Protein backbone atom coordinates (compact mmCIF):
# COMPACT_ATOMS: atom_id res chain seq x y z
CA UNK A 1 75.61 -29.44 161.93
CA UNK A 2 75.21 -30.69 165.46
CA UNK A 3 71.72 -29.69 166.63
CA UNK A 4 70.10 -29.78 170.07
CA UNK A 5 66.30 -29.83 169.94
CA UNK A 6 64.26 -28.13 172.67
CA UNK A 7 60.53 -28.93 172.80
CA UNK A 8 57.76 -30.43 174.88
CA UNK A 9 54.15 -30.80 173.54
CA UNK A 10 52.63 -32.55 170.52
CA UNK A 11 53.24 -29.50 168.34
CA UNK A 12 56.98 -29.85 168.97
CA UNK A 13 56.91 -33.65 168.62
CA UNK A 14 55.39 -33.44 165.14
CA UNK A 15 58.13 -31.08 164.01
CA UNK A 16 60.82 -33.23 165.63
CA UNK A 17 59.48 -36.23 163.71
CA UNK A 18 59.92 -34.33 160.43
CA UNK A 19 63.51 -33.42 161.34
CA UNK A 20 64.27 -37.08 162.08
CA UNK A 21 62.76 -38.12 158.73
CA UNK A 22 65.01 -35.56 157.04
CA UNK A 23 68.10 -37.06 158.74
CA UNK A 24 68.93 -33.88 160.63
CA UNK A 25 71.85 -34.51 163.00
CA UNK A 26 70.16 -34.20 166.41
CA UNK A 27 72.70 -34.81 169.16
CA UNK A 28 70.44 -34.22 172.19
CA UNK A 29 66.87 -33.53 173.26
CA UNK A 30 65.86 -31.06 175.97
CA UNK A 31 62.28 -31.27 177.23
CA UNK A 32 60.33 -30.58 180.40
CA UNK A 33 60.15 -33.13 183.26
CA UNK A 34 57.55 -35.90 183.40
CA UNK A 35 54.34 -34.79 185.12
CA UNK A 36 51.67 -36.64 187.11
CA UNK A 37 48.42 -37.05 185.21
CA UNK A 38 44.92 -38.30 185.93
CA UNK A 39 43.42 -39.54 189.14
CA UNK A 40 46.25 -42.00 189.67
CA UNK A 41 48.82 -39.19 189.33
CA UNK A 42 50.97 -41.55 187.31
CA UNK A 43 53.97 -39.79 185.77
CA UNK A 44 53.59 -39.15 182.05
CA UNK A 45 56.40 -38.22 179.69
CA UNK A 46 56.12 -35.21 177.38
CA UNK A 47 55.29 -36.11 173.75
CA UNK A 48 58.77 -35.04 172.61
CA UNK A 49 60.41 -37.46 175.04
CA UNK A 50 58.13 -40.33 174.00
CA UNK A 51 58.97 -39.77 170.34
CA UNK A 52 62.70 -39.40 170.95
CA UNK A 53 62.85 -42.64 172.95
CA UNK A 54 61.28 -44.48 169.99
CA UNK A 55 63.09 -42.88 167.08
CA UNK A 56 66.38 -41.58 168.48
CA UNK A 57 67.86 -44.46 170.49
CA UNK A 58 71.14 -43.50 172.05
CA UNK A 59 70.51 -39.75 171.79
CA UNK A 60 70.58 -38.24 175.29
CA UNK A 61 67.35 -36.73 176.65
CA UNK A 62 67.62 -34.02 179.29
CA UNK A 63 64.67 -32.98 181.46
CA UNK A 64 65.87 -30.19 183.74
CA UNK A 65 63.42 -28.18 185.82
CA UNK A 66 65.07 -25.12 184.26
CA UNK A 67 66.93 -25.40 181.00
CA UNK A 68 68.62 -22.09 181.75
CA UNK A 69 70.03 -23.17 185.09
CA UNK A 70 73.84 -23.01 185.44
CA UNK A 71 73.98 -26.80 185.77
CA UNK A 72 72.00 -27.33 182.54
CA UNK A 73 74.11 -24.82 180.66
CA UNK A 74 77.30 -26.64 181.60
CA UNK A 75 75.86 -29.95 180.39
CA UNK A 76 74.78 -28.42 177.09
CA UNK A 77 78.11 -26.69 176.54
CA UNK A 78 79.80 -30.09 176.61
CA UNK A 79 77.76 -31.16 173.58
CA UNK A 80 79.53 -28.57 171.39
CA UNK A 81 76.35 -27.93 169.40
CA UNK A 82 76.30 -25.76 166.32
CA UNK A 83 72.62 -24.83 166.64
CA UNK A 84 69.77 -24.98 169.15
CA UNK A 85 66.28 -25.47 167.66
CA UNK A 86 63.49 -24.44 170.05
CA UNK A 87 59.85 -25.41 169.44
CA UNK A 88 57.29 -24.81 172.20
CA UNK A 89 59.77 -25.75 174.90
CA UNK A 90 57.85 -24.03 177.68
CA UNK A 91 60.47 -21.76 179.20
CA UNK A 92 61.94 -18.32 178.55
CA UNK A 93 65.56 -19.05 177.70
CA UNK A 94 68.29 -16.98 179.32
CA UNK A 95 70.95 -15.11 177.39
CA UNK A 96 73.63 -17.40 178.86
CA UNK A 97 71.89 -20.37 177.24
CA UNK A 98 71.30 -18.53 173.96
CA UNK A 99 75.04 -17.89 173.77
CA UNK A 100 76.00 -21.58 173.98
CA UNK A 101 75.66 -22.87 170.38
CA UNK A 102 78.14 -21.72 167.76
CA UNK A 103 75.49 -20.62 165.26
CA UNK A 104 72.88 -19.43 167.75
CA UNK A 105 69.33 -20.49 168.52
CA UNK A 106 66.31 -20.50 166.23
CA UNK A 107 62.64 -20.80 167.08
CA UNK A 108 59.46 -21.90 165.29
CA UNK A 109 56.58 -19.50 165.97
CA UNK A 110 53.10 -20.14 164.48
CA UNK A 111 52.25 -16.63 163.32
CA UNK A 112 53.32 -14.07 160.75
CA UNK A 113 55.64 -12.16 163.04
CA UNK A 114 55.68 -9.46 164.25
CA UNK A 115 51.97 -10.26 164.59
CA UNK A 116 50.92 -12.32 167.61
CA UNK A 117 54.06 -12.61 169.68
CA UNK A 118 53.40 -14.73 172.74
CA UNK A 119 51.72 -17.89 173.98
CA UNK A 120 48.54 -18.28 171.92
CA UNK A 121 49.09 -17.04 168.35
CA UNK A 122 46.89 -19.62 166.63
CA UNK A 123 43.93 -19.07 168.95
CA UNK A 124 44.21 -15.28 168.72
CA UNK A 125 44.31 -15.34 164.93
CA UNK A 126 41.10 -17.39 164.90
CA UNK A 127 39.41 -15.21 167.51
CA UNK A 128 40.10 -12.20 165.32
CA UNK A 129 38.77 -13.93 162.22
CA UNK A 130 42.05 -13.61 160.30
CA UNK A 131 41.92 -14.96 156.75
CA UNK A 132 45.69 -15.56 156.62
CA UNK A 133 48.26 -16.74 159.14
CA UNK A 134 51.50 -18.69 158.93
CA UNK A 135 54.73 -19.75 160.58
CA UNK A 136 57.89 -17.75 161.18
CA UNK A 137 61.40 -19.03 161.88
CA UNK A 138 63.36 -16.50 163.92
CA UNK A 139 66.74 -16.11 165.53
CA UNK A 140 66.17 -16.10 169.26
CA UNK A 141 66.97 -13.08 171.39
CA UNK A 142 66.27 -12.33 175.02
CA UNK A 143 63.06 -10.46 174.20
CA UNK A 144 60.09 -12.76 173.56
CA UNK A 145 59.58 -13.61 169.85
CA UNK A 146 61.45 -10.46 168.81
CA UNK A 147 64.37 -11.93 166.87
CA UNK A 148 65.15 -11.41 163.21
CA UNK A 149 63.02 -13.46 160.80
CA UNK A 150 64.84 -16.12 158.78
CA UNK A 151 61.96 -17.70 156.90
CA UNK A 152 58.16 -17.35 156.64
CA UNK A 153 55.46 -19.65 155.28
CA UNK A 154 51.92 -18.30 154.86
CA UNK A 155 48.68 -20.24 155.28
CA UNK A 156 45.13 -19.37 154.21
CA UNK A 157 42.57 -19.91 156.98
CA UNK A 158 39.21 -21.34 155.85
CA UNK A 159 36.18 -19.66 157.40
CA UNK A 160 35.20 -22.83 159.26
CA UNK A 161 38.73 -23.79 160.43
CA UNK A 162 39.07 -24.47 164.13
CA UNK A 163 42.10 -24.62 166.42
CA UNK A 164 42.55 -28.37 165.93
CA UNK A 165 42.76 -28.02 162.15
CA UNK A 166 44.94 -24.92 162.15
CA UNK A 167 47.31 -26.32 164.78
CA UNK A 168 47.85 -29.45 162.67
CA UNK A 169 48.48 -27.36 159.54
CA UNK A 170 50.91 -25.10 161.42
CA UNK A 171 52.93 -28.12 162.55
CA UNK A 172 53.43 -29.30 158.97
CA UNK A 173 54.18 -25.80 157.75
CA UNK A 174 56.52 -25.20 160.68
CA UNK A 175 58.54 -28.30 159.85
CA UNK A 176 58.84 -27.21 156.21
CA UNK A 177 59.98 -23.72 157.18
CA UNK A 178 62.39 -25.04 159.80
CA UNK A 179 64.08 -27.45 157.40
CA UNK A 180 64.55 -24.59 154.93
CA UNK A 181 66.06 -22.39 157.65
CA UNK A 182 68.42 -25.12 158.87
CA UNK A 183 69.62 -25.72 155.31
CA UNK A 184 70.21 -22.01 154.79
CA UNK A 185 72.20 -21.72 158.02
CA UNK A 186 74.28 -24.79 157.20
CA UNK A 187 75.18 -23.37 153.79
CA UNK A 188 75.69 -19.80 155.02
CA UNK A 189 73.00 -18.27 152.85
CA UNK A 190 70.43 -17.21 155.43
CA UNK A 191 68.94 -13.74 155.13
CA UNK A 192 67.58 -12.18 158.33
CA UNK A 193 64.82 -9.57 158.31
CA UNK A 194 64.36 -7.25 161.28
CA UNK A 195 60.81 -7.20 162.67
CA UNK A 196 58.94 -3.93 162.23
CA UNK A 197 58.29 -2.63 165.78
CA UNK A 198 55.28 -0.61 164.58
CA UNK A 199 53.46 -3.81 163.56
CA UNK A 200 53.97 -5.79 166.77
CA UNK A 201 50.88 -7.38 168.37
CA UNK A 202 50.68 -9.85 171.22
CA UNK A 203 48.88 -13.17 171.73
CA UNK A 204 48.47 -13.54 175.46
CA UNK A 205 47.72 -16.89 177.08
CA UNK A 206 44.05 -17.90 176.97
CA UNK A 207 42.30 -17.43 180.31
CA UNK A 208 39.39 -19.46 181.64
CA UNK A 209 37.26 -16.30 181.73
CA UNK A 210 37.80 -15.77 178.01
CA UNK A 211 36.37 -19.19 177.29
CA UNK A 212 32.97 -18.17 178.65
CA UNK A 213 30.25 -17.62 176.05
CA UNK A 214 28.31 -14.41 176.65
CA UNK A 215 25.25 -14.53 174.42
CA UNK A 216 25.06 -10.72 174.51
CA UNK A 217 28.07 -10.62 172.17
CA UNK A 218 27.59 -10.55 168.38
CA UNK A 219 27.17 -13.95 166.76
CA UNK A 220 30.25 -13.57 164.55
CA UNK A 221 32.46 -12.93 167.60
CA UNK A 222 31.13 -16.02 169.36
CA UNK A 223 31.56 -18.08 166.19
CA UNK A 224 35.24 -17.12 166.10
CA UNK A 225 35.63 -17.74 169.84
CA UNK A 226 34.16 -21.24 169.55
CA UNK A 227 36.41 -22.31 166.68
CA UNK A 228 39.49 -20.77 168.33
CA UNK A 229 38.96 -22.95 171.41
CA UNK A 230 37.89 -26.20 169.73
CA UNK A 231 38.56 -28.97 170.51
CA UNK A 232 40.31 -27.71 173.66
CA UNK A 233 39.90 -26.06 176.07
CA UNK A 234 36.44 -25.42 174.62
CA UNK A 235 34.18 -22.37 174.78
CA UNK A 236 31.54 -22.89 177.44
CA UNK A 237 28.31 -21.54 178.84
CA UNK A 238 26.09 -22.52 181.75
CA UNK A 239 22.76 -24.27 181.33
CA UNK A 240 20.06 -25.14 183.82
CA UNK A 241 18.69 -28.67 183.44
CA UNK A 242 15.82 -29.67 185.72
CA UNK A 243 16.88 -27.09 188.27
CA UNK A 244 20.60 -28.02 188.21
CA UNK A 245 23.32 -25.82 186.74
CA UNK A 246 25.84 -27.48 184.44
CA UNK A 247 28.50 -26.40 181.99
CA UNK A 248 28.01 -26.92 178.29
CA UNK A 249 30.95 -26.68 175.91
CA UNK A 250 30.20 -25.63 172.36
CA UNK A 251 32.75 -27.23 170.03
CA UNK A 252 31.30 -26.37 166.63
CA UNK A 253 28.85 -23.75 165.43
CA UNK A 254 27.80 -21.93 162.29
CA UNK A 255 26.36 -18.54 161.51
CA UNK A 256 22.60 -18.80 160.90
CA UNK A 257 21.68 -16.55 157.96
CA UNK A 258 18.54 -14.83 159.19
CA UNK A 259 17.66 -11.64 160.99
CA UNK A 260 16.51 -11.46 164.60
CA UNK A 261 12.81 -10.86 165.27
CA UNK A 262 12.13 -8.10 167.79
CA UNK A 263 10.44 -10.57 170.13
CA UNK A 264 13.56 -12.58 171.04
CA UNK A 265 16.52 -11.79 173.26
CA UNK A 266 20.16 -12.95 173.64
CA UNK A 267 20.43 -16.52 174.89
CA UNK A 268 17.02 -17.57 173.62
CA UNK A 269 16.86 -21.05 172.06
CA UNK A 270 15.35 -21.10 168.57
CA UNK A 271 14.63 -24.49 167.00
CA UNK A 272 14.69 -23.30 163.43
CA UNK A 273 13.79 -26.05 160.93
CA UNK A 274 15.07 -28.72 163.34
CA UNK A 275 18.29 -26.83 164.11
CA UNK A 276 19.59 -25.85 167.55
CA UNK A 277 19.96 -22.08 167.21
CA UNK A 278 20.68 -19.45 169.84
CA UNK A 279 20.06 -15.74 169.53
CA UNK A 280 23.01 -13.45 170.29
CA UNK A 281 23.52 -9.74 170.85
CA UNK A 282 23.29 -9.47 167.09
CA UNK A 283 22.70 -12.40 164.78
CA UNK A 284 22.02 -16.07 165.45
CA UNK A 285 24.35 -19.02 165.97
CA UNK A 286 23.49 -22.57 164.98
CA UNK A 287 25.11 -25.01 167.41
CA UNK A 288 26.39 -28.20 165.76
CA UNK A 289 28.58 -30.05 168.28
CA UNK A 290 28.37 -29.68 172.06
CA UNK A 291 29.72 -31.41 175.15
CA UNK A 292 27.64 -31.44 178.34
CA UNK A 293 29.56 -31.51 181.61
CA UNK A 294 30.83 -35.02 182.34
CA UNK A 295 29.77 -36.36 178.93
CA UNK A 296 31.36 -37.03 175.56
CA UNK A 297 30.85 -34.62 172.66
CA UNK A 298 27.51 -35.06 170.91
CA UNK A 299 25.56 -33.54 168.08
CA UNK A 300 23.33 -30.65 168.94
CA UNK A 301 20.31 -32.70 167.93
CA UNK A 302 21.25 -35.49 170.37
CA UNK A 303 21.66 -32.87 173.07
CA UNK A 304 18.21 -31.43 172.40
CA UNK A 305 16.72 -34.90 172.55
CA UNK A 306 18.33 -35.84 175.86
CA UNK A 307 18.43 -32.58 177.79
CA UNK A 308 15.01 -30.99 177.36
CA UNK A 309 13.83 -28.98 179.12
CA UNK A 310 16.83 -26.72 179.67
CA UNK A 311 17.70 -23.05 179.62
CA UNK A 312 20.86 -20.99 179.48
CA UNK A 313 21.75 -19.86 182.99
């Protein structure tokens, strides 16, 4: 089959790499335009483009502002593709574009659909403390993440897993599921399952406000928030150090197995047996890895050594 691959970030690049290793016939790459980055505003290519330039010499790479524009559609029609594979491309694809390939378009979505349709399925699963997640391969339709399911791979989520770990696992699982789906389509044996509309949930994009740590919340909720946002964008709180307010990201924490004395309140620092612990609305969190504003990540003990006295703002 002649396949056009749509994708942009590292998640998509990892999966593209697996397709290349499996000798999938990729006839073109579609990714987002280069963007300025850093203080120099030097243009940087998307990870998918960087990988394709190295491993797919001679394969055309298209970077339209809008993949669904009439001009882009005409270019893609000329490729006479059998299948479009879309992985975190970064654009809602129009019906006109979905209609181009002979065997349709399929998408890799890192959740057990119909759960967590939308932009942040991995983070939302962690925030909710889910013990199981996975990857779904679906046929694309105009409605977001609503197409029929072609293949599913499940994944157990360890209690201490963070976004970085789960994202990496989902990439590998997504590649495995995608290769299975492509093989099934090529051989005409795919079985599509309609999503149950009564089980649909949504995973909206993470907002900056959601990243804020409110110590009045229960410790288990903050534990899940911290691991869902680590290593990036990072859950954060404000601290006051020698009269100056700064942000402190908390990148790793653990539940501290003890009850709260009546004499403490949310946001109170408790140095329990040499540990950096903070009281919450209910329960206690032990902070393990933090990142002060403008600094590299450091152990909680190093932070205590270098930033005393401080308080949570």
